[in-house]
């Protein structure tokens, strides 16, 4: 009986210390903070560039996997202002501003993605994504 008591108390102390450490790491380390994009001017954002994209995004879950990928390719093409096939945080912030978000939200919560990363969103948003063969599955046999 003594062994089990010591084990339970030790595990509780260990997990308690882990919870305190995780709480500190999240709250005080600054690692999980969202930081605004620097050197990104949102004053000259042309919202007409992004016309129709919001309705496309809203309808994605009703589309097929290939339609989803076509929609995201179009969205990525509209977002990629410099044409380098990579959407940096400033381009995403301009997109977020162009579809109606505030400057503060757009600069703080923007992200960067490549085209393959954008297309991976369909794996999570479309119901028939499980039926589609993946690139890594093609060499399986």
N, C-alpha and C. Protein backbone atom coordinates (compact mmCIF):
# COMPACT_ATOMS: atom_id res chain seq x y z
N UNK A 1 0.82 -1.19 0.00
CA UNK A 1 0.00 0.00 0.00
C UNK A 1 0.87 1.26 0.00
N UNK A 2 1.98 1.26 0.69
CA UNK A 2 2.85 2.42 0.76
C UNK A 2 3.48 2.76 -0.60
N UNK A 3 3.82 1.74 -1.37
CA UNK A 3 4.43 1.95 -2.68
C UNK A 3 3.47 2.70 -3.59
N UNK A 4 2.21 2.29 -3.62
CA UNK A 4 1.22 2.93 -4.48
C UNK A 4 0.96 4.37 -4.05
N UNK A 5 0.95 4.64 -2.79
CA UNK A 5 0.74 5.99 -2.29
C UNK A 5 1.89 6.90 -2.73
N UNK A 6 3.12 6.43 -2.56
CA UNK A 6 4.28 7.20 -2.98
C UNK A 6 4.25 7.43 -4.49
N UNK A 7 3.87 6.41 -5.25
CA UNK A 7 3.80 6.53 -6.70
C UNK A 7 2.74 7.56 -7.12
N UNK A 8 1.58 7.51 -6.49
CA UNK A 8 0.51 8.45 -6.84
C UNK A 8 0.92 9.88 -6.48
N UNK A 9 1.49 10.08 -5.31
CA UNK A 9 1.93 11.42 -4.90
C UNK A 9 3.03 11.92 -5.84
N UNK A 10 3.97 11.06 -6.20
CA UNK A 10 5.06 11.44 -7.10
C UNK A 10 4.54 11.83 -8.48
N UNK A 11 3.60 11.05 -8.98
CA UNK A 11 3.04 11.36 -10.30
C UNK A 11 2.26 12.66 -10.24
N UNK A 12 1.50 12.88 -9.17
CA UNK A 12 0.77 14.14 -9.02
C UNK A 12 1.72 15.33 -8.96
N UNK A 13 2.83 15.19 -8.25
CA UNK A 13 3.81 16.27 -8.20
C UNK A 13 4.44 16.51 -9.58
N UNK A 14 4.76 15.44 -10.27
CA UNK A 14 5.36 15.55 -11.61
C UNK A 14 4.40 16.25 -12.57
N UNK A 15 3.17 15.78 -12.64
CA UNK A 15 2.20 16.38 -13.56
C UNK A 15 1.85 17.81 -13.14
N UNK A 16 1.82 18.08 -11.85
CA UNK A 16 1.58 19.45 -11.38
C UNK A 16 2.69 20.38 -11.83
N UNK A 17 3.93 19.92 -11.71
CA UNK A 17 5.07 20.74 -12.16
C UNK A 17 5.02 20.95 -13.68
N UNK A 18 4.61 19.92 -14.40
CA UNK A 18 4.48 20.06 -15.86
C UNK A 18 3.40 21.08 -16.22
N UNK A 19 2.29 21.06 -15.49
CA UNK A 19 1.20 22.01 -15.75
C UNK A 19 1.65 23.44 -15.44
N UNK A 20 2.38 23.62 -14.34
CA UNK A 20 2.89 24.95 -14.01
C UNK A 20 3.88 25.43 -15.05
N UNK A 21 4.76 24.55 -15.50
CA UNK A 21 5.73 24.90 -16.53
C UNK A 21 5.05 25.25 -17.85
N UNK A 22 4.05 24.48 -18.23
CA UNK A 22 3.33 24.77 -19.47
C UNK A 22 2.57 26.09 -19.35
N UNK A 23 1.98 26.33 -18.19
CA UNK A 23 1.28 27.60 -17.97
C UNK A 23 2.22 28.78 -18.07
N UNK A 24 3.39 28.67 -17.48
CA UNK A 24 4.37 29.74 -17.58
C UNK A 24 4.82 29.93 -19.03
N UNK A 25 5.12 28.82 -19.70
CA UNK A 25 5.61 28.89 -21.08
C UNK A 25 4.60 29.59 -21.97
N UNK A 26 3.33 29.26 -21.81
CA UNK A 26 2.29 29.87 -22.65
C UNK A 26 2.06 31.33 -22.27
N UNK A 27 1.97 31.62 -20.98
CA UNK A 27 1.56 32.95 -20.55
C UNK A 27 2.69 33.98 -20.54
N UNK A 28 3.92 33.57 -20.19
CA UNK A 28 4.97 34.55 -19.94
C UNK A 28 6.17 34.48 -20.87
N UNK A 29 6.33 33.40 -21.59
CA UNK A 29 7.55 33.29 -22.39
C UNK A 29 7.48 34.11 -23.67
N UNK A 30 6.28 34.44 -24.13
CA UNK A 30 6.16 35.19 -25.37
C UNK A 30 6.20 34.32 -26.60
N UNK A 31 6.36 33.03 -26.44
CA UNK A 31 6.45 32.13 -27.58
C UNK A 31 5.13 32.07 -28.35
N UNK A 32 4.02 32.05 -27.65
CA UNK A 32 2.72 31.89 -28.29
C UNK A 32 2.04 33.21 -28.62
N UNK A 33 2.73 34.32 -28.43
CA UNK A 33 2.13 35.61 -28.74
C UNK A 33 2.07 35.82 -30.24
N UNK A 34 0.99 36.44 -30.68
CA UNK A 34 0.89 36.84 -32.07
C UNK A 34 1.51 38.22 -32.21
N UNK A 35 2.43 38.34 -33.13
CA UNK A 35 3.12 39.61 -33.32
C UNK A 35 2.70 40.20 -34.66
N UNK A 36 2.44 41.51 -34.69
CA UNK A 36 2.03 42.13 -35.95
C UNK A 36 3.14 42.12 -36.99
N UNK A 37 2.73 42.14 -38.25
CA UNK A 37 3.68 42.20 -39.36
C UNK A 37 4.33 43.57 -39.36
N UNK A 38 5.63 43.60 -39.58
CA UNK A 38 6.35 44.87 -39.65
C UNK A 38 6.52 45.27 -41.12
N UNK A 39 6.58 46.56 -41.35
CA UNK A 39 6.79 47.12 -42.69
C UNK A 39 5.75 46.65 -43.70
N UNK A 40 4.49 46.69 -43.30
CA UNK A 40 3.41 46.31 -44.20
C UNK A 40 2.37 47.43 -44.18
N UNK A 41 2.21 48.08 -45.32
CA UNK A 41 1.30 49.22 -45.43
C UNK A 41 -0.05 48.75 -45.95
N UNK A 42 -1.08 48.92 -45.15
CA UNK A 42 -2.42 48.50 -45.53
C UNK A 42 -3.28 49.66 -46.03
N UNK A 43 -2.68 50.84 -46.18
CA UNK A 43 -3.46 52.01 -46.57
C UNK A 43 -3.95 51.94 -48.02
N UNK A 44 -3.20 51.29 -48.88
CA UNK A 44 -3.55 51.26 -50.30
C UNK A 44 -4.09 49.91 -50.74
N UNK A 45 -4.79 49.20 -49.86
CA UNK A 45 -5.34 47.89 -50.20
C UNK A 45 -6.56 48.08 -51.09
N UNK A 46 -6.56 47.39 -52.23
CA UNK A 46 -7.68 47.46 -53.18
C UNK A 46 -8.61 46.29 -52.91
N UNK A 47 -9.74 46.56 -52.22
CA UNK A 47 -10.65 45.47 -51.87
C UNK A 47 -11.33 44.86 -53.09
N UNK A 48 -11.37 45.56 -54.21
CA UNK A 48 -12.00 44.98 -55.40
C UNK A 48 -11.18 43.81 -55.94
N UNK A 49 -9.91 43.76 -55.59
CA UNK A 49 -9.07 42.62 -56.00
C UNK A 49 -9.58 41.31 -55.43
N UNK A 50 -10.25 41.38 -54.28
CA UNK A 50 -10.69 40.18 -53.57
C UNK A 50 -12.20 39.97 -53.65
N UNK A 51 -12.87 40.67 -54.59
CA UNK A 51 -14.32 40.51 -54.75
C UNK A 51 -14.68 39.06 -55.05
N UNK A 52 -15.69 38.56 -54.40
CA UNK A 52 -16.17 37.21 -54.66
C UNK A 52 -15.45 36.11 -53.91
N UNK A 53 -14.30 36.41 -53.33
CA UNK A 53 -13.54 35.36 -52.66
C UNK A 53 -14.18 34.93 -51.35
N UNK A 54 -14.86 35.85 -50.68
CA UNK A 54 -15.51 35.49 -49.41
C UNK A 54 -16.61 34.48 -49.65
N UNK A 55 -17.42 34.70 -50.70
CA UNK A 55 -18.48 33.73 -51.00
C UNK A 55 -17.91 32.39 -51.44
N UNK A 56 -16.76 32.41 -52.13
CA UNK A 56 -16.08 31.16 -52.49
C UNK A 56 -15.64 30.41 -51.24
N UNK A 57 -15.07 31.13 -50.29
CA UNK A 57 -14.60 30.50 -49.05
C UNK A 57 -15.77 29.94 -48.27
N UNK A 58 -16.87 30.67 -48.22
CA UNK A 58 -18.03 30.20 -47.47
C UNK A 58 -18.64 28.95 -48.06
N UNK A 59 -18.50 28.73 -49.36
CA UNK A 59 -19.12 27.58 -50.01
C UNK A 59 -18.19 26.38 -50.16
N UNK A 60 -16.97 26.46 -49.67
CA UNK A 60 -15.99 25.39 -49.89
C UNK A 60 -16.44 24.05 -49.32
N UNK A 61 -17.05 24.05 -48.15
CA UNK A 61 -17.41 22.77 -47.54
C UNK A 61 -18.48 22.04 -48.34
N UNK A 62 -19.17 22.72 -49.24
CA UNK A 62 -20.19 22.09 -50.07
C UNK A 62 -19.64 21.60 -51.40
N UNK A 63 -18.40 21.85 -51.66
CA UNK A 63 -17.78 21.53 -52.95
C UNK A 63 -17.06 20.18 -52.89
N UNK A 64 -16.65 19.71 -54.06
CA UNK A 64 -15.84 18.49 -54.12
C UNK A 64 -14.38 18.86 -53.85
N UNK A 65 -13.55 17.83 -53.72
CA UNK A 65 -12.14 18.05 -53.41
C UNK A 65 -11.45 18.82 -54.53
N UNK A 66 -11.70 18.47 -55.78
CA UNK A 66 -11.05 19.16 -56.90
C UNK A 66 -11.57 20.59 -57.03
N UNK A 67 -12.87 20.81 -56.78
CA UNK A 67 -13.40 22.18 -56.79
C UNK A 67 -12.76 23.01 -55.69
N UNK A 68 -12.57 22.42 -54.52
CA UNK A 68 -11.92 23.11 -53.41
C UNK A 68 -10.51 23.52 -53.81
N UNK A 69 -9.77 22.61 -54.42
CA UNK A 69 -8.41 22.96 -54.82
C UNK A 69 -8.40 24.05 -55.88
N UNK A 70 -9.37 24.02 -56.80
CA UNK A 70 -9.45 25.09 -57.80
C UNK A 70 -9.74 26.44 -57.15
N UNK A 71 -10.64 26.44 -56.17
CA UNK A 71 -10.98 27.68 -55.47
C UNK A 71 -9.76 28.21 -54.73
N UNK A 72 -9.04 27.33 -54.02
CA UNK A 72 -7.87 27.79 -53.27
C UNK A 72 -6.73 28.22 -54.19
N UNK A 73 -6.60 27.60 -55.37
CA UNK A 73 -5.59 28.07 -56.33
C UNK A 73 -5.92 29.49 -56.78
N UNK A 74 -7.21 29.75 -57.03
CA UNK A 74 -7.63 31.09 -57.43
C UNK A 74 -7.39 32.09 -56.31
N UNK A 75 -7.74 31.71 -55.09
CA UNK A 75 -7.54 32.60 -53.94
C UNK A 75 -6.05 32.89 -53.76
N UNK A 76 -5.22 31.85 -53.85
CA UNK A 76 -3.78 32.04 -53.68
C UNK A 76 -3.22 32.94 -54.78
N UNK A 77 -3.74 32.80 -56.00
CA UNK A 77 -3.28 33.64 -57.10
C UNK A 77 -3.65 35.10 -56.85
N UNK A 78 -4.84 35.33 -56.30
CA UNK A 78 -5.25 36.70 -55.99
C UNK A 78 -4.44 37.29 -54.83
N UNK A 79 -4.10 36.44 -53.87
CA UNK A 79 -3.35 36.91 -52.70
C UNK A 79 -1.88 37.16 -53.00
N UNK A 80 -1.31 36.40 -53.93
CA UNK A 80 0.12 36.47 -54.24
C UNK A 80 0.40 37.69 -55.12
N UNK A 81 0.59 38.82 -54.49
CA UNK A 81 0.73 40.09 -55.21
C UNK A 81 2.03 40.14 -56.02
N UNK A 82 3.13 39.62 -55.46
CA UNK A 82 4.41 39.70 -56.16
C UNK A 82 4.64 38.52 -57.11
N UNK A 83 3.74 37.54 -57.13
CA UNK A 83 3.81 36.45 -58.10
C UNK A 83 4.91 35.43 -57.87
N UNK A 84 5.39 35.27 -56.64
CA UNK A 84 6.48 34.33 -56.37
C UNK A 84 5.99 32.96 -55.87
N UNK A 85 4.69 32.70 -55.97
CA UNK A 85 4.07 31.44 -55.52
C UNK A 85 4.25 31.19 -54.03
N UNK A 86 4.41 32.24 -53.29
CA UNK A 86 4.49 32.16 -51.83
C UNK A 86 3.74 33.36 -51.26
N UNK A 87 2.81 33.10 -50.36
CA UNK A 87 2.04 34.17 -49.75
C UNK A 87 2.70 34.52 -48.42
N UNK A 88 3.33 35.70 -48.38
CA UNK A 88 3.97 36.11 -47.13
C UNK A 88 2.93 36.76 -46.22
N UNK A 89 3.35 37.10 -45.02
CA UNK A 89 2.41 37.64 -44.03
C UNK A 89 1.82 38.98 -44.46
N UNK A 90 2.58 39.78 -45.16
CA UNK A 90 2.06 41.07 -45.60
C UNK A 90 0.98 40.89 -46.66
N UNK A 91 1.20 39.96 -47.59
CA UNK A 91 0.18 39.68 -48.61
C UNK A 91 -1.09 39.12 -47.97
N UNK A 92 -0.93 38.27 -46.97
CA UNK A 92 -2.09 37.74 -46.27
C UNK A 92 -2.80 38.84 -45.48
N UNK A 93 -2.03 39.75 -44.89
CA UNK A 93 -2.64 40.87 -44.16
C UNK A 93 -3.44 41.76 -45.11
N UNK A 94 -2.92 41.97 -46.31
CA UNK A 94 -3.66 42.77 -47.30
C UNK A 94 -4.94 42.04 -47.72
N UNK A 95 -4.87 40.73 -47.85
CA UNK A 95 -6.07 39.96 -48.17
C UNK A 95 -7.09 40.07 -47.03
N UNK A 96 -6.64 39.90 -45.79
CA UNK A 96 -7.55 40.00 -44.66
C UNK A 96 -8.19 41.38 -44.58
N UNK A 97 -7.40 42.41 -44.84
CA UNK A 97 -7.93 43.78 -44.86
C UNK A 97 -8.91 43.96 -46.02
N UNK A 98 -8.58 43.38 -47.17
CA UNK A 98 -9.41 43.52 -48.36
C UNK A 98 -10.77 42.85 -48.24
N UNK A 99 -10.88 41.82 -47.41
CA UNK A 99 -12.17 41.15 -47.25
C UNK A 99 -12.95 41.70 -46.06
N UNK A 100 -12.43 42.77 -45.43
CA UNK A 100 -13.23 43.48 -44.45
C UNK A 100 -12.77 43.46 -43.01
N UNK A 101 -11.59 42.94 -42.73
CA UNK A 101 -11.08 42.95 -41.35
C UNK A 101 -10.41 44.28 -41.03
N UNK A 102 -10.22 44.53 -39.75
CA UNK A 102 -9.55 45.76 -39.32
C UNK A 102 -8.05 45.67 -39.58
N UNK A 103 -7.39 46.81 -39.56
CA UNK A 103 -5.93 46.83 -39.75
C UNK A 103 -5.23 46.03 -38.67
N UNK A 104 -5.65 46.22 -37.42
CA UNK A 104 -5.00 45.54 -36.30
C UNK A 104 -5.15 44.03 -36.42
N UNK A 105 -6.34 43.56 -36.72
CA UNK A 105 -6.56 42.12 -36.88
C UNK A 105 -5.74 41.57 -38.05
N UNK A 106 -5.77 42.28 -39.16
CA UNK A 106 -5.06 41.82 -40.36
C UNK A 106 -3.56 41.70 -40.15
N UNK A 107 -2.98 42.67 -39.47
CA UNK A 107 -1.54 42.64 -39.24
C UNK A 107 -1.13 41.62 -38.18
N UNK A 108 -2.00 41.38 -37.21
CA UNK A 108 -1.65 40.49 -36.11
C UNK A 108 -1.85 39.02 -36.44
N UNK A 109 -2.92 38.68 -37.14
CA UNK A 109 -3.26 37.28 -37.33
C UNK A 109 -3.01 36.76 -38.75
N UNK A 110 -2.21 37.45 -39.50
CA UNK A 110 -1.86 36.96 -40.84
C UNK A 110 -0.82 35.84 -40.72
N UNK A 111 -0.73 35.05 -41.76
CA UNK A 111 0.22 33.94 -41.77
C UNK A 111 0.86 33.85 -43.14
N UNK A 112 1.87 33.03 -43.27
CA UNK A 112 2.52 32.83 -44.57
C UNK A 112 2.37 31.36 -44.98
N UNK A 113 2.18 31.15 -46.27
CA UNK A 113 1.99 29.79 -46.79
C UNK A 113 2.47 29.71 -48.24
N UNK A 114 2.91 28.51 -48.60
CA UNK A 114 3.20 28.23 -50.01
C UNK A 114 1.93 27.65 -50.64
N UNK A 115 1.91 27.52 -51.96
CA UNK A 115 0.73 26.98 -52.64
C UNK A 115 0.40 25.56 -52.17
N UNK A 116 1.36 24.65 -52.03
CA UNK A 116 1.00 23.31 -51.52
C UNK A 116 0.40 23.36 -50.12
N UNK A 117 0.86 24.27 -49.28
CA UNK A 117 0.28 24.40 -47.94
C UNK A 117 -1.14 24.93 -48.01
N UNK A 118 -1.40 25.84 -48.95
CA UNK A 118 -2.76 26.36 -49.12
C UNK A 118 -3.68 25.23 -49.58
N UNK A 119 -3.21 24.42 -50.51
CA UNK A 119 -4.05 23.33 -51.04
C UNK A 119 -4.31 22.26 -50.00
N UNK A 120 -3.45 22.13 -49.01
CA UNK A 120 -3.68 21.14 -47.94
C UNK A 120 -4.90 21.48 -47.10
N UNK A 121 -5.35 22.73 -47.14
CA UNK A 121 -6.54 23.11 -46.39
C UNK A 121 -7.77 22.31 -46.85
N UNK A 122 -7.78 21.91 -48.10
CA UNK A 122 -8.91 21.11 -48.62
C UNK A 122 -9.00 19.77 -47.91
N UNK A 123 -7.88 19.25 -47.43
CA UNK A 123 -7.90 17.97 -46.71
C UNK A 123 -8.74 18.06 -45.44
N UNK A 124 -8.89 19.24 -44.90
CA UNK A 124 -9.63 19.43 -43.65
C UNK A 124 -11.02 19.99 -43.87
N UNK A 125 -11.26 20.59 -45.02
CA UNK A 125 -12.51 21.32 -45.22
C UNK A 125 -13.55 20.58 -46.07
N UNK A 126 -13.11 19.60 -46.84
CA UNK A 126 -14.02 18.95 -47.79
C UNK A 126 -14.23 17.50 -47.36
N UNK A 127 -15.47 17.07 -47.41
CA UNK A 127 -15.83 15.74 -46.92
C UNK A 127 -15.23 14.61 -47.75
N UNK A 128 -15.08 14.77 -49.06
CA UNK A 128 -14.56 13.67 -49.87
C UNK A 128 -13.03 13.69 -50.00
N UNK A 129 -12.35 14.42 -49.14
CA UNK A 129 -10.89 14.48 -49.19
C UNK A 129 -10.27 13.12 -48.86
N UNK A 130 -10.97 12.31 -48.05
CA UNK A 130 -10.44 10.99 -47.70
C UNK A 130 -10.38 10.06 -48.91
N UNK A 131 -11.21 10.30 -49.89
CA UNK A 131 -11.26 9.44 -51.07
C UNK A 131 -10.18 9.76 -52.09
N UNK A 132 -9.47 10.85 -51.91
CA UNK A 132 -8.49 11.29 -52.88
C UNK A 132 -7.11 10.70 -52.57
N UNK A 133 -6.43 10.14 -53.59
CA UNK A 133 -5.06 9.64 -53.34
C UNK A 133 -4.10 10.80 -53.12
N UNK A 134 -3.21 10.62 -52.18
CA UNK A 134 -2.21 11.64 -51.88
C UNK A 134 -0.95 11.38 -52.70
N UNK A 135 -0.11 12.38 -52.85
CA UNK A 135 1.12 12.24 -53.61
C UNK A 135 2.02 11.14 -53.04
N UNK A 136 2.10 11.08 -51.72
CA UNK A 136 2.98 10.08 -51.11
C UNK A 136 2.43 8.66 -51.27
N UNK A 137 1.12 8.53 -51.59
CA UNK A 137 0.54 7.21 -51.78
C UNK A 137 0.78 6.65 -53.17
N UNK A 138 1.19 7.48 -54.12
CA UNK A 138 1.34 7.04 -55.50
C UNK A 138 2.50 6.06 -55.67
N UNK A 139 3.53 6.18 -54.84
CA UNK A 139 4.68 5.29 -54.95
C UNK A 139 4.57 4.08 -54.04
N UNK A 140 3.42 3.89 -53.46
CA UNK A 140 3.25 2.82 -52.47
C UNK A 140 3.34 1.44 -53.11
N UNK A 141 2.80 1.27 -54.28
CA UNK A 141 2.80 -0.07 -54.90
C UNK A 141 3.83 -0.19 -55.97
